[in-house]
Amino acid sequence: MKTKGNIPGAILIMALLSILLCWLPFIGSLIAGIVGGKKAGSVGNAFVAVLLPGIIFGIILFFLAGSISSMPIIGAIAGAGGFILALAGVGPLLLGAVIGGAVA
């Protein structure tokens, strides 16, 4: 009997492999996504495992930049830019996760 994959394990694997393979611009994220998607067990779980950390990191960055700056509006704009950059790097990781989730 095959057990379903888990999202926290997939998030951890994708994060570690993304850091270790960062020297391979597109291929490293794709490999991390495929391995993490297989760990997630399905395409839906893989999709959540990719987007959840990016969204959480972007929201934290948005609020921290707004609270650290002496002008909250400027900090919020800088944080919004960081949020967009956090989500922009997710493309190859998402593609790999969908492939890995479909194979699993």
PDB file of N, CA and C in Angstrom:
ATOM      1  N   MET A   1       0.844  -1.180   0.000  1.00  0.00           N
ATOM      2  CA  MET A   1       0.000   0.000   0.000  1.00  0.00           C
ATOM      3  C   MET A   1       0.886   1.238   0.000  1.00  0.00           C
ATOM      4  N   LYS A   2       0.644   2.109  -0.934  1.00  0.00           N
ATOM      5  CA  LYS A   2       1.439   3.319  -1.050  1.00  0.00           C
ATOM      6  C   LYS A   2       0.834   4.421  -0.169  1.00  0.00           C
ATOM      7  N   THR A   3       1.684   5.047   0.624  1.00  0.00           N
ATOM      8  CA  THR A   3       1.203   6.133   1.465  1.00  0.00           C
ATOM      9  C   THR A   3       1.285   7.441   0.702  1.00  0.00           C
ATOM     10  N   LYS A   4       0.399   8.354   1.044  1.00  0.00           N
ATOM     11  CA  LYS A   4       0.423   9.674   0.427  1.00  0.00           C
ATOM     12  C   LYS A   4       1.624  10.445   0.935  1.00  0.00           C
ATOM     13  N   GLY A   5       2.152  11.305   0.096  1.00  0.00           N
ATOM     14  CA  GLY A   5       3.281  12.138   0.490  1.00  0.00           C
ATOM     15  C   GLY A   5       2.849  13.208   1.469  1.00  0.00           C
ATOM     16  N   ASN A   6       3.828  13.895   2.006  1.00  0.00           N
ATOM     17  CA  ASN A   6       3.499  14.955   2.943  1.00  0.00           C
ATOM     18  C   ASN A   6       4.051  16.293   2.461  1.00  0.00           C
ATOM     19  N   ILE A   7       3.318  17.332   2.732  1.00  0.00           N
ATOM     20  CA  ILE A   7       3.669  18.671   2.268  1.00  0.00           C
ATOM     21  C   ILE A   7       4.876  19.235   3.019  1.00  0.00           C
ATOM     22  N   PRO A   8       4.962  19.131   4.358  1.00  0.00           N
ATOM     23  CA  PRO A   8       6.146  19.692   5.035  1.00  0.00           C
ATOM     24  C   PRO A   8       7.457  19.057   4.579  1.00  0.00           C
ATOM     25  N   GLY A   9       7.456  17.752   4.342  1.00  0.00           N
ATOM     26  CA  GLY A   9       8.663  17.095   3.842  1.00  0.00           C
ATOM     27  C   GLY A   9       9.033  17.579   2.454  1.00  0.00           C
ATOM     28  N   ALA A  10       8.023  17.783   1.612  1.00  0.00           N
ATOM     29  CA  ALA A  10       8.269  18.285   0.260  1.00  0.00           C
ATOM     30  C   ALA A  10       8.818  19.710   0.305  1.00  0.00           C
ATOM     31  N   ILE A  11       8.284  20.537   1.194  1.00  0.00           N
ATOM     32  CA  ILE A  11       8.771  21.909   1.336  1.00  0.00           C
ATOM     33  C   ILE A  11      10.234  21.903   1.758  1.00  0.00           C
ATOM     34  N   LEU A  12      10.569  21.055   2.720  1.00  0.00           N
ATOM     35  CA  LEU A  12      11.942  20.977   3.214  1.00  0.00           C
ATOM     36  C   LEU A  12      12.905  20.504   2.125  1.00  0.00           C
ATOM     37  N   ILE A  13      12.510  19.474   1.399  1.00  0.00           N
ATOM     38  CA  ILE A  13      13.367  18.957   0.322  1.00  0.00           C
ATOM     39  C   ILE A  13      13.555  19.999  -0.767  1.00  0.00           C
ATOM     40  N   MET A  14      12.471  20.671  -1.161  1.00  0.00           N
ATOM     41  CA  MET A  14      12.582  21.684  -2.208  1.00  0.00           C
ATOM     42  C   MET A  14      13.470  22.844  -1.772  1.00  0.00           C
ATOM     43  N   ALA A  15      13.340  23.250  -0.512  1.00  0.00           N
ATOM     44  CA  ALA A  15      14.156  24.359  -0.023  1.00  0.00           C
ATOM     45  C   ALA A  15      15.639  23.976   0.012  1.00  0.00           C
ATOM     46  N   LEU A  16      15.933  22.794   0.552  1.00  0.00           N
ATOM     47  CA  LEU A  16      17.329  22.374   0.642  1.00  0.00           C
ATOM     48  C   LEU A  16      17.959  22.166  -0.731  1.00  0.00           C
ATOM     49  N   LEU A  17      17.233  21.507  -1.626  1.00  0.00           N
ATOM     50  CA  LEU A  17      17.786  21.281  -2.957  1.00  0.00           C
ATOM     51  C   LEU A  17      17.908  22.579  -3.750  1.00  0.00           C
ATOM     52  N   SER A  18      16.992  23.507  -3.542  1.00  0.00           N
ATOM     53  CA  SER A  18      17.105  24.803  -4.221  1.00  0.00           C
ATOM     54  C   SER A  18      18.353  25.545  -3.774  1.00  0.00           C
ATOM     55  N   ILE A  19      18.650  25.462  -2.505  1.00  0.00           N
ATOM     56  CA  ILE A  19      19.863  26.123  -1.989  1.00  0.00           C
ATOM     57  C   ILE A  19      21.109  25.408  -2.503  1.00  0.00           C
ATOM     58  N   LEU A  20      21.107  24.081  -2.475  1.00  0.00           N
ATOM     59  CA  LEU A  20      22.280  23.330  -2.917  1.00  0.00           C
ATOM     60  C   LEU A  20      22.525  23.426  -4.421  1.00  0.00           C
ATOM     61  N   LEU A  21      21.455  23.565  -5.187  1.00  0.00           N
ATOM     62  CA  LEU A  21      21.586  23.597  -6.644  1.00  0.00           C
ATOM     63  C   LEU A  21      21.398  25.002  -7.219  1.00  0.00           C
ATOM     64  N   CYS A  22      21.605  26.024  -6.403  1.00  0.00           N
ATOM     65  CA  CYS A  22      21.394  27.390  -6.871  1.00  0.00           C
ATOM     66  C   CYS A  22      22.378  27.799  -7.961  1.00  0.00           C
ATOM     67  N   TRP A  23      23.472  27.096  -8.111  1.00  0.00           N
ATOM     68  CA  TRP A  23      24.459  27.422  -9.133  1.00  0.00           C
ATOM     69  C   TRP A  23      24.018  26.979 -10.517  1.00  0.00           C
ATOM     70  N   LEU A  24      22.935  26.208 -10.607  1.00  0.00           N
ATOM     71  CA  LEU A  24      22.331  25.828 -11.887  1.00  0.00           C
ATOM     72  C   LEU A  24      21.045  26.649 -12.046  1.00  0.00           C
ATOM     73  N   PRO A  25      21.073  27.752 -12.795  1.00  0.00           N
ATOM     74  CA  PRO A  25      19.972  28.714 -12.772  1.00  0.00           C
ATOM     75  C   PRO A  25      18.566  28.141 -12.973  1.00  0.00           C
ATOM     76  N   PHE A  26      18.285  27.441 -14.029  1.00  0.00           N
ATOM     77  CA  PHE A  26      16.936  26.929 -14.275  1.00  0.00           C
ATOM     78  C   PHE A  26      16.831  25.463 -13.879  1.00  0.00           C
ATOM     79  N   ILE A  27      17.855  24.718 -14.206  1.00  0.00           N
ATOM     80  CA  ILE A  27      17.849  23.269 -13.992  1.00  0.00           C
ATOM     81  C   ILE A  27      17.820  22.919 -12.504  1.00  0.00           C
ATOM     82  N   GLY A  28      18.520  23.678 -11.674  1.00  0.00           N
ATOM     83  CA  GLY A  28      18.555  23.395 -10.240  1.00  0.00           C
ATOM     84  C   GLY A  28      17.173  23.473  -9.604  1.00  0.00           C
ATOM     85  N   SER A  29      16.423  24.530  -9.931  1.00  0.00           N
ATOM     86  CA  SER A  29      15.061  24.658  -9.403  1.00  0.00           C
ATOM     87  C   SER A  29      14.147  23.585  -9.971  1.00  0.00           C
ATOM     88  N   LEU A  30      14.353  23.242 -11.225  1.00  0.00           N
ATOM     89  CA  LEU A  30      13.537  22.200 -11.850  1.00  0.00           C
ATOM     90  C   LEU A  30      13.768  20.849 -11.167  1.00  0.00           C
ATOM     91  N   ILE A  31      15.023  20.520 -10.905  1.00  0.00           N
ATOM     92  CA  ILE A  31      15.346  19.263 -10.216  1.00  0.00           C
ATOM     93  C   ILE A  31      14.763  19.250  -8.807  1.00  0.00           C
ATOM     94  N   ALA A  32      14.921  20.375  -8.101  1.00  0.00           N
ATOM     95  CA  ALA A  32      14.360  20.467  -6.746  1.00  0.00           C
ATOM     96  C   ALA A  32      12.850  20.307  -6.773  1.00  0.00           C
ATOM     97  N   GLY A  33      12.196  20.869  -7.773  1.00  0.00           N
ATOM     98  CA  GLY A  33      10.749  20.736  -7.893  1.00  0.00           C
ATOM     99  C   GLY A  33      10.315  19.312  -8.190  1.00  0.00           C
ATOM    100  N   ILE A  34      11.057  18.635  -9.060  1.00  0.00           N
ATOM    101  CA  ILE A  34      10.700  17.250  -9.396  1.00  0.00           C
ATOM    102  C   ILE A  34      10.825  16.347  -8.173  1.00  0.00           C
ATOM    103  N   VAL A  35      11.933  16.474  -7.459  1.00  0.00           N
ATOM    104  CA  VAL A  35      12.139  15.635  -6.271  1.00  0.00           C
ATOM    105  C   VAL A  35      11.107  15.969  -5.193  1.00  0.00           C
ATOM    106  N   GLY A  36      10.868  17.263  -4.971  1.00  0.00           N
ATOM    107  CA  GLY A  36       9.868  17.666  -3.983  1.00  0.00           C
ATOM    108  C   GLY A  36       8.457  17.271  -4.384  1.00  0.00           C
ATOM    109  N   GLY A  37       8.159  17.343  -5.674  1.00  0.00           N
ATOM    110  CA  GLY A  37       6.844  16.928  -6.147  1.00  0.00           C
ATOM    111  C   GLY A  37       6.597  15.444  -5.953  1.00  0.00           C
ATOM    112  N   LYS A  38       7.643  14.640  -6.166  1.00  0.00           N
ATOM    113  CA  LYS A  38       7.510  13.200  -5.895  1.00  0.00           C
ATOM    114  C   LYS A  38       7.290  12.950  -4.407  1.00  0.00           C
ATOM    115  N   LYS A  39       7.956  13.739  -3.556  1.00  0.00           N
ATOM    116  CA  LYS A  39       7.778  13.594  -2.109  1.00  0.00           C
ATOM    117  C   LYS A  39       6.370  14.029  -1.688  1.00  0.00           C
ATOM    118  N   ALA A  40       5.829  15.048  -2.378  1.00  0.00           N
ATOM    119  CA  ALA A  40       4.492  15.532  -2.041  1.00  0.00           C
ATOM    120  C   ALA A  40       3.421  14.492  -2.353  1.00  0.00           C
ATOM    121  N   GLY A  41       3.623  13.699  -3.390  1.00  0.00           N
ATOM    122  CA  GLY A  41       2.714  12.593  -3.658  1.00  0.00           C
ATOM    123  C   GLY A  41       1.644  12.849  -4.694  1.00  0.00           C
ATOM    124  N   SER A  42       1.270  14.098  -4.924  1.00  0.00           N
ATOM    125  CA  SER A  42       0.262  14.412  -5.936  1.00  0.00           C
ATOM    126  C   SER A  42       0.511  15.815  -6.468  1.00  0.00           C
ATOM    127  N   VAL A  43      -0.135  16.128  -7.564  1.00  0.00           N
ATOM    128  CA  VAL A  43       0.053  17.444  -8.174  1.00  0.00           C
ATOM    129  C   VAL A  43      -0.488  18.541  -7.260  1.00  0.00           C
ATOM    130  N   GLY A  44      -1.621  18.317  -6.624  1.00  0.00           N
ATOM    131  CA  GLY A  44      -2.210  19.316  -5.722  1.00  0.00           C
ATOM    132  C   GLY A  44      -1.316  19.596  -4.527  1.00  0.00           C
ATOM    133  N   ASN A  45      -0.811  18.545  -3.908  1.00  0.00           N
ATOM    134  CA  ASN A  45       0.096  18.732  -2.772  1.00  0.00           C
ATOM    135  C   ASN A  45       1.386  19.416  -3.200  1.00  0.00           C
ATOM    136  N   ALA A  46       1.893  19.066  -4.385  1.00  0.00           N
ATOM    137  CA  ALA A  46       3.120  19.687  -4.891  1.00  0.00           C
ATOM    138  C   ALA A  46       2.901  21.173  -5.145  1.00  0.00           C
ATOM    139  N   PHE A  47       1.737  21.515  -5.683  1.00  0.00           N
ATOM    140  CA  PHE A  47       1.408  22.920  -5.938  1.00  0.00           C
ATOM    141  C   PHE A  47       1.389  23.715  -4.637  1.00  0.00           C
ATOM    142  N   VAL A  48       0.776  23.165  -3.612  1.00  0.00           N
ATOM    143  CA  VAL A  48       0.728  23.826  -2.297  1.00  0.00           C
ATOM    144  C   VAL A  48       2.129  23.928  -1.706  1.00  0.00           C
ATOM    145  N   ALA A  49       2.925  22.878  -1.847  1.00  0.00           N
ATOM    146  CA  ALA A  49       4.275  22.863  -1.280  1.00  0.00           C
ATOM    147  C   ALA A  49       5.176  23.902  -1.937  1.00  0.00           C
ATOM    148  N   VAL A  50       4.924  24.245  -3.179  1.00  0.00           N
ATOM    149  CA  VAL A  50       5.731  25.265  -3.856  1.00  0.00           C
ATOM    150  C   VAL A  50       5.261  26.657  -3.477  1.00  0.00           C
ATOM    151  N   LEU A  51       3.969  26.899  -3.537  1.00  0.00           N
ATOM    152  CA  LEU A  51       3.471  28.256  -3.370  1.00  0.00           C
ATOM    153  C   LEU A  51       3.371  28.711  -1.921  1.00  0.00           C
ATOM    154  N   LEU A  52       3.120  27.812  -1.000  1.00  0.00           N
ATOM    155  CA  LEU A  52       2.947  28.200   0.392  1.00  0.00           C
ATOM    156  C   LEU A  52       4.175  28.891   0.983  1.00  0.00           C
ATOM    157  N   PRO A  53       5.392  28.346   0.850  1.00  0.00           N
ATOM    158  CA  PRO A  53       6.556  29.064   1.411  1.00  0.00           C
ATOM    159  C   PRO A  53       6.823  30.404   0.727  1.00  0.00           C
ATOM    160  N   GLY A  54       6.605  30.478  -0.585  1.00  0.00           N
ATOM    161  CA  GLY A  54       6.817  31.733  -1.292  1.00  0.00           C
ATOM    162  C   GLY A  54       5.853  32.811  -0.831  1.00  0.00           C
ATOM    163  N   ILE A  55       4.603  32.454  -0.648  1.00  0.00           N
ATOM    164  CA  ILE A  55       3.603  33.417  -0.198  1.00  0.00           C
ATOM    165  C   ILE A  55       3.870  33.837   1.237  1.00  0.00           C
ATOM    166  N   ILE A  56       4.197  32.885   2.105  1.00  0.00           N
ATOM    167  CA  ILE A  56       4.475  33.220   3.504  1.00  0.00           C
ATOM    168  C   ILE A  56       5.699  34.119   3.613  1.00  0.00           C
ATOM    169  N   PHE A  57       6.776  33.782   2.871  1.00  0.00           N
ATOM    170  CA  PHE A  57       7.979  34.600   2.897  1.00  0.00           C
ATOM    171  C   PHE A  57       7.696  36.009   2.371  1.00  0.00           C
ATOM    172  N   GLY A  58       6.934  36.107   1.296  1.00  0.00           N
ATOM    173  CA  GLY A  58       6.606  37.409   0.735  1.00  0.00           C
ATOM    174  C   GLY A  58       5.784  38.267   1.689  1.00  0.00           C
ATOM    175  N   ILE A  59       4.820  37.664   2.366  1.00  0.00           N
ATOM    176  CA  ILE A  59       3.992  38.414   3.319  1.00  0.00           C
ATOM    177  C   ILE A  59       4.828  38.875   4.507  1.00  0.00           C
ATOM    178  N   ILE A  60       5.687  37.994   5.023  1.00  0.00           N
ATOM    179  CA  ILE A  60       6.559  38.387   6.142  1.00  0.00           C
ATOM    180  C   ILE A  60       7.481  39.524   5.721  1.00  0.00           C
ATOM    181  N   LEU A  61       8.054  39.429   4.538  1.00  0.00           N
ATOM    182  CA  LEU A  61       8.925  40.481   4.028  1.00  0.00           C
ATOM    183  C   LEU A  61       8.168  41.792   3.852  1.00  0.00           C
ATOM    184  N   PHE A  62       6.940  41.717   3.369  1.00  0.00           N
ATOM    185  CA  PHE A  62       6.109  42.901   3.188  1.00  0.00           C
ATOM    186  C   PHE A  62       5.889  43.626   4.512  1.00  0.00           C
ATOM    187  N   PHE A  63       5.517  42.885   5.554  1.00  0.00           N
ATOM    188  CA  PHE A  63       5.238  43.516   6.837  1.00  0.00           C
ATOM    189  C   PHE A  63       6.508  43.959   7.561  1.00  0.00           C
ATOM    190  N   LEU A  64       7.571  43.188   7.460  1.00  0.00           N
ATOM    191  CA  LEU A  64       8.814  43.588   8.120  1.00  0.00           C
ATOM    192  C   LEU A  64       9.415  44.836   7.491  1.00  0.00           C
ATOM    193  N   ALA A  65       9.385  44.935   6.180  1.00  0.00           N
ATOM    194  CA  ALA A  65       9.921  46.126   5.525  1.00  0.00           C
ATOM    195  C   ALA A  65       9.090  47.349   5.885  1.00  0.00           C
ATOM    196  N   GLY A  66       7.803  47.182   6.038  1.00  0.00           N
ATOM    197  CA  GLY A  66       6.944  48.298   6.434  1.00  0.00           C
ATOM    198  C   GLY A  66       7.150  48.714   7.873  1.00  0.00           C
ATOM    199  N   SER A  67       7.499  47.790   8.734  1.00  0.00           N
ATOM    200  CA  SER A  67       7.667  48.131  10.147  1.00  0.00           C
ATOM    201  C   SER A  67       9.065  48.653  10.460  1.00  0.00           C
ATOM    202  N   ILE A  68      10.076  48.266   9.699  1.00  0.00           N
ATOM    203  CA  ILE A  68      11.443  48.707   9.958  1.00  0.00           C
ATOM    204  C   ILE A  68      11.673  50.119   9.447  1.00  0.00           C
ATOM    205  N   SER A  69      11.062  50.463   8.337  1.00  0.00           N
ATOM    206  CA  SER A  69      11.276  51.768   7.720  1.00  0.00           C
ATOM    207  C   SER A  69      10.671  52.869   8.579  1.00  0.00           C
ATOM    208  N   SER A  70      11.310  54.050   8.547  1.00  0.00           N
ATOM    209  CA  SER A  70      10.757  55.176   9.298  1.00  0.00           C
ATOM    210  C   SER A  70       9.533  55.749   8.580  1.00  0.00           C
ATOM    211  N   MET A  71       9.408  55.442   7.284  1.00  0.00           N
ATOM    212  CA  MET A  71       8.228  55.847   6.523  1.00  0.00           C
ATOM    213  C   MET A  71       7.505  54.581   6.076  1.00  0.00           C
ATOM    214  N   PRO A  72       6.408  54.240   6.737  1.00  0.00           N
ATOM    215  CA  PRO A  72       5.746  52.965   6.470  1.00  0.00           C
ATOM    216  C   PRO A  72       5.304  52.781   5.015  1.00  0.00           C
ATOM    217  N   ILE A  73       4.943  53.853   4.332  1.00  0.00           N
ATOM    218  CA  ILE A  73       4.502  53.716   2.942  1.00  0.00           C
ATOM    219  C   ILE A  73       5.658  53.242   2.062  1.00  0.00           C
ATOM    220  N   ILE A  74       6.842  53.844   2.256  1.00  0.00           N
ATOM    221  CA  ILE A  74       8.022  53.444   1.484  1.00  0.00           C
ATOM    222  C   ILE A  74       8.397  51.996   1.813  1.00  0.00           C
ATOM    223  N   GLY A  75       8.338  51.640   3.082  1.00  0.00           N
ATOM    224  CA  GLY A  75       8.631  50.268   3.484  1.00  0.00           C
ATOM    225  C   GLY A  75       7.654  49.274   2.897  1.00  0.00           C
ATOM    226  N   ALA A  76       6.379  49.658   2.828  1.00  0.00           N
ATOM    227  CA  ALA A  76       5.373  48.770   2.248  1.00  0.00           C
ATOM    228  C   ALA A  76       5.610  48.574   0.752  1.00  0.00           C
ATOM    229  N   ILE A  77       6.030  49.627   0.067  1.00  0.00           N
ATOM    230  CA  ILE A  77       6.326  49.506  -1.363  1.00  0.00           C
ATOM    231  C   ILE A  77       7.543  48.595  -1.572  1.00  0.00           C
ATOM    232  N   ALA A  78       8.574  48.776  -0.739  1.00  0.00           N
ATOM    233  CA  ALA A  78       9.756  47.910  -0.827  1.00  0.00           C
ATOM    234  C   ALA A  78       9.395  46.463  -0.499  1.00  0.00           C
ATOM    235  N   GLY A  79       8.552  46.274   0.486  1.00  0.00           N
ATOM    236  CA  GLY A  79       8.113  44.922   0.837  1.00  0.00           C
ATOM    237  C   GLY A  79       7.289  44.282  -0.262  1.00  0.00           C
ATOM    238  N   ALA A  80       6.472  45.080  -0.956  1.00  0.00           N
ATOM    239  CA  ALA A  80       5.690  44.554  -2.070  1.00  0.00           C
ATOM    240  C   ALA A  80       6.611  44.113  -3.208  1.00  0.00           C
ATOM    241  N   GLY A  81       7.680  44.881  -3.430  1.00  0.00           N
ATOM    242  CA  GLY A  81       8.661  44.482  -4.433  1.00  0.00           C
ATOM    243  C   GLY A  81       9.340  43.177  -4.064  1.00  0.00           C
ATOM    244  N   GLY A  82       9.668  42.994  -2.785  1.00  0.00           N
ATOM    245  CA  GLY A  82      10.248  41.739  -2.318  1.00  0.00           C
ATOM    246  C   GLY A  82       9.279  40.583  -2.461  1.00  0.00           C
ATOM    247  N   PHE A  83       7.998  40.843  -2.236  1.00  0.00           N
ATOM    248  CA  PHE A  83       6.962  39.819  -2.403  1.00  0.00           C
ATOM    249  C   PHE A  83       6.910  39.338  -3.850  1.00  0.00           C
ATOM    250  N   ILE A  84       6.965  40.279  -4.791  1.00  0.00           N
ATOM    251  CA  ILE A  84       6.945  39.927  -6.208  1.00  0.00           C
ATOM    252  C   ILE A  84       8.201  39.144  -6.591  1.00  0.00           C
ATOM    253  N   LEU A  85       9.358  39.570  -6.082  1.00  0.00           N
ATOM    254  CA  LEU A  85      10.596  38.845  -6.377  1.00  0.00           C
ATOM    255  C   LEU A  85      10.575  37.435  -5.789  1.00  0.00           C
ATOM    256  N   ALA A  86       9.985  37.276  -4.606  1.00  0.00           N
ATOM    257  CA  ALA A  86       9.892  35.946  -3.996  1.00  0.00           C
ATOM    258  C   ALA A  86       9.030  35.022  -4.848  1.00  0.00           C
ATOM    259  N   LEU A  87       7.969  35.546  -5.420  1.00  0.00           N
ATOM    260  CA  LEU A  87       7.097  34.717  -6.246  1.00  0.00           C
ATOM    261  C   LEU A  87       7.626  34.537  -7.662  1.00  0.00           C
ATOM    262  N   ALA A  88       8.486  35.442  -8.125  1.00  0.00           N
ATOM    263  CA  ALA A  88       9.008  35.343  -9.487  1.00  0.00           C
ATOM    264  C   ALA A  88       9.958  34.160  -9.650  1.00  0.00           C
ATOM    265  N   GLY A  89      10.657  33.786  -8.610  1.00  0.00           N
ATOM    266  CA  GLY A  89      11.600  32.678  -8.698  1.00  0.00           C
ATOM    267  C   GLY A  89      10.966  31.312  -8.566  1.00  0.00           C
ATOM    268  N   VAL A  90       9.676  31.254  -8.485  1.00  0.00           N
ATOM    269  CA  VAL A  90       8.977  30.001  -8.239  1.00  0.00           C
ATOM    270  C   VAL A  90       8.649  29.250  -9.533  1.00  0.00           C
ATOM    271  N   GLY A  91       8.784  29.877 -10.690  1.00  0.00           N
ATOM    272  CA  GLY A  91       8.372  29.278 -11.961  1.00  0.00           C
ATOM    273  C   GLY A  91       8.951  27.903 -12.243  1.00  0.00           C
ATOM    274  N   PRO A  92      10.294  27.775 -12.331  1.00  0.00           N
ATOM    275  CA  PRO A  92      10.857  26.452 -12.606  1.00  0.00           C
ATOM    276  C   PRO A  92      10.587  25.440 -11.497  1.00  0.00           C
ATOM    277  N   LEU A  93      10.534  25.913 -10.268  1.00  0.00           N
ATOM    278  CA  LEU A  93      10.239  25.030  -9.139  1.00  0.00           C
ATOM    279  C   LEU A  93       8.818  24.485  -9.264  1.00  0.00           C
ATOM    280  N   LEU A  94       7.885  25.336  -9.660  1.00  0.00           N
ATOM    281  CA  LEU A  94       6.497  24.914  -9.834  1.00  0.00           C
ATOM    282  C   LEU A  94       6.368  23.928 -10.984  1.00  0.00           C
ATOM    283  N   LEU A  95       7.052  24.195 -12.083  1.00  0.00           N
ATOM    284  CA  LEU A  95       7.026  23.277 -13.228  1.00  0.00           C
ATOM    285  C   LEU A  95       7.550  21.899 -12.829  1.00  0.00           C
ATOM    286  N   GLY A  96       8.681  21.873 -12.126  1.00  0.00           N
ATOM    287  CA  GLY A  96       9.234  20.608 -11.667  1.00  0.00           C
ATOM    288  C   GLY A  96       8.334  19.900 -10.679  1.00  0.00           C
ATOM    289  N   ALA A  97       7.686  20.660  -9.788  1.00  0.00           N
ATOM    290  CA  ALA A  97       6.805  20.045  -8.796  1.00  0.00           C
ATOM    291  C   ALA A  97       5.590  19.410  -9.463  1.00  0.00           C
ATOM    292  N   VAL A  98       5.073  20.061 -10.483  1.00  0.00           N
ATOM    293  CA  VAL A  98       3.928  19.484 -11.202  1.00  0.00           C
ATOM    294  C   VAL A  98       4.346  18.190 -11.910  1.00  0.00           C
ATOM    295  N   ILE A  99       5.529  18.204 -12.517  1.00  0.00           N
ATOM    296  CA  ILE A  99       6.033  16.997 -13.176  1.00  0.00           C
ATOM    297  C   ILE A  99       6.248  15.881 -12.145  1.00  0.00           C
ATOM    298  N   GLY A 100       6.903  16.222 -11.026  1.00  0.00           N
ATOM    299  CA  GLY A 100       7.157  15.224  -9.990  1.00  0.00           C
ATOM    300  C   GLY A 100       5.882  14.703  -9.347  1.00  0.00           C
ATOM    301  N   GLY A 101       4.906  15.593  -9.132  1.00  0.00           N
ATOM    302  CA  GLY A 101       3.639  15.169  -8.556  1.00  0.00           C
ATOM    303  C   GLY A 101       2.847  14.274  -9.497  1.00  0.00           C
ATOM    304  N   ALA A 102       2.963  14.523 -10.804  1.00  0.00           N
ATOM    305  CA  ALA A 102       2.266  13.688 -11.772  1.00  0.00           C
ATOM    306  C   ALA A 102       2.899  12.304 -11.895  1.00  0.00           C
ATOM    307  N   VAL A 103       4.211  12.235 -11.712  1.00  0.00           N
ATOM    308  CA  VAL A 103       4.930  10.962 -11.805  1.00  0.00           C
ATOM    309  C   VAL A 103       4.689  10.103 -10.567  1.00  0.00           C
ATOM    310  N   ALA A 104       4.538  10.760  -9.418  1.00  0.00           N
ATOM    311  CA  ALA A 104       4.414  10.012  -8.154  1.00  0.00           C
ATOM    312  C   ALA A 104       3.172   9.174  -8.072  1.00  0.00           C
TER     313      ALA A 104
END
